[in-house]
Amino acid sequence: MDQQDEWGAGSAPGQKTEERIELRPPRQYRVILHNDHYTTMEFVVDILVGVFHKPAAEARRIMLDVHRRGHGVCGVYSYDIARTKAARVLELARQQEFPLRCTLEGD
């Protein structure tokens, strides 16, 4: 005798039915650069082009946001990618002895 599952489909005795798992997209994080009085604008543009793969014009716009508003959003990524990019920014800044701050902010 067949057993009925919640959708009315039959299954043989002892046969396992599949569970439905709802998949959601991963939470997204903004990577943010913060202004300071020592990091050069050229270095910030280089970071945006090299690490975040921004075109030069967009990199300059973001750099001006950092300079004028105190911060600028470099991109929005899943946690692992955002964390990796932020760590790379900090590593490059430390190599050049810049105090550039880079943080993550969840959506």
C-alpha atoms as a PDB file:
ATOM      1  CA  MET A   1       0.000   0.000   0.000  1.00  0.00           C
ATOM      2  CA  ASP A   2       1.361   3.414  -0.971  1.00  0.00           C
ATOM      3  CA  GLN A   3       1.733   6.249   1.516  1.00  0.00           C
ATOM      4  CA  GLN A   4       0.656   9.710   0.480  1.00  0.00           C
ATOM      5  CA  ASP A   5       2.950  12.669   1.025  1.00  0.00           C
ATOM      6  CA  GLU A   6       1.687  16.239   1.496  1.00  0.00           C
ATOM      7  CA  TRP A   7       1.486  16.761  -2.296  1.00  0.00           C
ATOM      8  CA  GLY A   8      -0.594  13.663  -2.838  1.00  0.00           C
ATOM      9  CA  ALA A   9       2.211  11.697  -4.497  1.00  0.00           C
ATOM     10  CA  GLY A  10       2.604   8.102  -3.413  1.00  0.00           C
ATOM     11  CA  SER A  11       5.772   6.443  -2.134  1.00  0.00           C
ATOM     12  CA  ALA A  12       6.607   2.854  -1.444  1.00  0.00           C
ATOM     13  CA  PRO A  13       6.831   1.745   2.195  1.00  0.00           C
ATOM     14  CA  GLY A  14      10.294   2.402   3.634  1.00  0.00           C
ATOM     15  CA  GLN A  15      11.195   4.824   0.832  1.00  0.00           C
ATOM     16  CA  LYS A  16      12.414   8.226   1.995  1.00  0.00           C
ATOM     17  CA  THR A  17      10.821  11.323   0.582  1.00  0.00           C
ATOM     18  CA  GLU A  18      12.832  14.388  -0.322  1.00  0.00           C
ATOM     19  CA  GLU A  19      12.703  17.407   1.960  1.00  0.00           C
ATOM     20  CA  ARG A  20      12.229  20.753   0.331  1.00  0.00           C
ATOM     21  CA  ILE A  21      14.865  23.248   1.377  1.00  0.00           C
ATOM     22  CA  GLU A  22      14.354  26.918   0.698  1.00  0.00           C
ATOM     23  CA  LEU A  23      17.510  28.486  -0.683  1.00  0.00           C
ATOM     24  CA  ARG A  24      18.035  32.183  -0.114  1.00  0.00           C
ATOM     25  CA  PRO A  25      20.682  34.360  -1.710  1.00  0.00           C
ATOM     26  CA  PRO A  26      23.617  35.098   0.605  1.00  0.00           C
ATOM     27  CA  ARG A  27      23.545  38.234   2.704  1.00  0.00           C
ATOM     28  CA  GLN A  28      25.368  41.098   1.003  1.00  0.00           C
ATOM     29  CA  TYR A  29      27.964  43.433   2.517  1.00  0.00           C
ATOM     30  CA  ARG A  30      29.140  46.865   1.403  1.00  0.00           C
ATOM     31  CA  VAL A  31      32.897  47.410   1.430  1.00  0.00           C
ATOM     32  CA  ILE A  32      33.549  50.977   2.575  1.00  0.00           C
ATOM     33  CA  LEU A  33      36.721  53.064   2.441  1.00  0.00           C
ATOM     34  CA  HIS A  34      37.102  55.813   5.061  1.00  0.00           C
ATOM     35  CA  ASN A  35      38.887  59.117   4.631  1.00  0.00           C
ATOM     36  CA  ASP A  36      42.054  60.017   6.499  1.00  0.00           C
ATOM     37  CA  HIS A  37      44.543  62.864   6.165  1.00  0.00           C
ATOM     38  CA  TYR A  38      47.482  60.757   4.962  1.00  0.00           C
ATOM     39  CA  THR A  39      46.406  58.242   2.297  1.00  0.00           C
ATOM     40  CA  THR A  40      46.865  59.759  -1.147  1.00  0.00           C
ATOM     41  CA  MET A  41      44.008  60.076  -3.594  1.00  0.00           C
ATOM     42  CA  GLU A  42      46.136  58.301  -6.187  1.00  0.00           C
ATOM     43  CA  PHE A  43      46.550  55.289  -3.888  1.00  0.00           C
ATOM     44  CA  VAL A  44      42.773  55.120  -3.295  1.00  0.00           C
ATOM     45  CA  VAL A  45      42.148  55.167  -7.067  1.00  0.00           C
ATOM     46  CA  ASP A  46      44.785  52.429  -7.524  1.00  0.00           C
ATOM     47  CA  ILE A  47      43.019  50.304  -4.866  1.00  0.00           C
ATOM     48  CA  LEU A  48      39.643  50.782  -6.528  1.00  0.00           C
ATOM     49  CA  VAL A  49      40.997  49.810  -9.942  1.00  0.00           C
ATOM     50  CA  GLY A  50      43.262  46.975  -8.774  1.00  0.00           C
ATOM     51  CA  VAL A  51      41.240  45.320  -6.006  1.00  0.00           C
ATOM     52  CA  PHE A  52      37.673  46.219  -6.958  1.00  0.00           C
ATOM     53  CA  HIS A  53      38.148  46.245 -10.759  1.00  0.00           C
ATOM     54  CA  LYS A  54      36.485  49.642 -11.165  1.00  0.00           C
ATOM     55  CA  PRO A  55      36.953  51.619 -14.387  1.00  0.00           C
ATOM     56  CA  ALA A  56      39.174  54.685 -13.856  1.00  0.00           C
ATOM     57  CA  ALA A  57      36.286  57.193 -14.060  1.00  0.00           C
ATOM     58  CA  GLU A  58      34.217  55.312 -11.466  1.00  0.00           C
ATOM     59  CA  ALA A  59      37.282  54.887  -9.251  1.00  0.00           C
ATOM     60  CA  ARG A  60      37.854  58.655  -9.302  1.00  0.00           C
ATOM     61  CA  ARG A  61      34.183  59.284  -8.418  1.00  0.00           C
ATOM     62  CA  ILE A  62      34.358  56.892  -5.442  1.00  0.00           C
ATOM     63  CA  MET A  63      37.683  58.425  -4.344  1.00  0.00           C
ATOM     64  CA  LEU A  64      36.024  61.858  -4.340  1.00  0.00           C
ATOM     65  CA  ASP A  65      33.168  60.464  -2.216  1.00  0.00           C
ATOM     66  CA  VAL A  66      35.767  59.210   0.260  1.00  0.00           C
ATOM     67  CA  HIS A  67      37.516  62.577   0.241  1.00  0.00           C
ATOM     68  CA  ARG A  68      34.425  64.833   0.407  1.00  0.00           C
ATOM     69  CA  ARG A  69      31.935  62.758   2.396  1.00  0.00           C
ATOM     70  CA  GLY A  70      34.367  60.867   4.609  1.00  0.00           C
ATOM     71  CA  HIS A  71      33.586  57.464   3.126  1.00  0.00           C
ATOM     72  CA  GLY A  72      32.790  55.734  -0.147  1.00  0.00           C
ATOM     73  CA  VAL A  73      31.265  52.396  -1.110  1.00  0.00           C
ATOM     74  CA  CYS A  74      33.637  50.250  -3.189  1.00  0.00           C
ATOM     75  CA  GLY A  75      31.152  47.480  -3.944  1.00  0.00           C
ATOM     76  CA  VAL A  76      28.622  45.021  -2.536  1.00  0.00           C
ATOM     77  CA  TYR A  77      29.618  41.365  -2.141  1.00  0.00           C
ATOM     78  CA  SER A  78      28.881  38.189  -0.219  1.00  0.00           C
ATOM     79  CA  TYR A  79      30.641  38.066   3.167  1.00  0.00           C
ATOM     80  CA  ASP A  80      33.650  35.973   2.149  1.00  0.00           C
ATOM     81  CA  ILE A  81      34.394  38.071  -0.921  1.00  0.00           C
ATOM     82  CA  ALA A  82      33.871  41.359   0.960  1.00  0.00           C
ATOM     83  CA  ARG A  83      36.133  40.219   3.802  1.00  0.00           C
ATOM     84  CA  THR A  84      38.829  39.092   1.367  1.00  0.00           C
ATOM     85  CA  LYS A  85      38.759  42.393  -0.545  1.00  0.00           C
ATOM     86  CA  ALA A  86      38.864  44.439   2.680  1.00  0.00           C
ATOM     87  CA  ALA A  87      41.811  42.400   3.957  1.00  0.00           C
ATOM     88  CA  ARG A  88      43.651  42.950   0.649  1.00  0.00           C
ATOM     89  CA  VAL A  89      43.042  46.727   0.877  1.00  0.00           C
ATOM     90  CA  LEU A  90      44.419  46.830   4.421  1.00  0.00           C
ATOM     91  CA  GLU A  91      47.436  44.736   3.431  1.00  0.00           C
ATOM     92  CA  LEU A  92      48.281  47.045   0.506  1.00  0.00           C
ATOM     93  CA  ALA A  93      47.765  50.152   2.652  1.00  0.00           C
ATOM     94  CA  ARG A  94      50.082  48.827   5.377  1.00  0.00           C
ATOM     95  CA  GLN A  95      52.747  48.000   2.786  1.00  0.00           C
ATOM     96  CA  GLN A  96      52.679  51.671   1.728  1.00  0.00           C
ATOM     97  CA  GLU A  97      52.401  52.802   5.389  1.00  0.00           C
ATOM     98  CA  PHE A  98      48.987  54.411   4.871  1.00  0.00           C
ATOM     99  CA  PRO A  99      46.414  54.347   7.710  1.00  0.00           C
ATOM    100  CA  LEU A 100      43.537  53.684   5.276  1.00  0.00           C
ATOM    101  CA  ARG A 101      40.486  52.148   6.955  1.00  0.00           C
ATOM    102  CA  CYS A 102      38.229  49.690   5.156  1.00  0.00           C
ATOM    103  CA  THR A 103      35.108  48.272   6.790  1.00  0.00           C
ATOM    104  CA  LEU A 104      32.149  46.028   5.970  1.00  0.00           C
ATOM    105  CA  GLU A 105      28.529  46.979   6.449  1.00  0.00           C
ATOM    106  CA  GLY A 106      25.729  44.415   6.095  1.00  0.00           C
ATOM    107  CA  ASP A 107      22.617  45.089   4.016  1.00  0.00           C
END
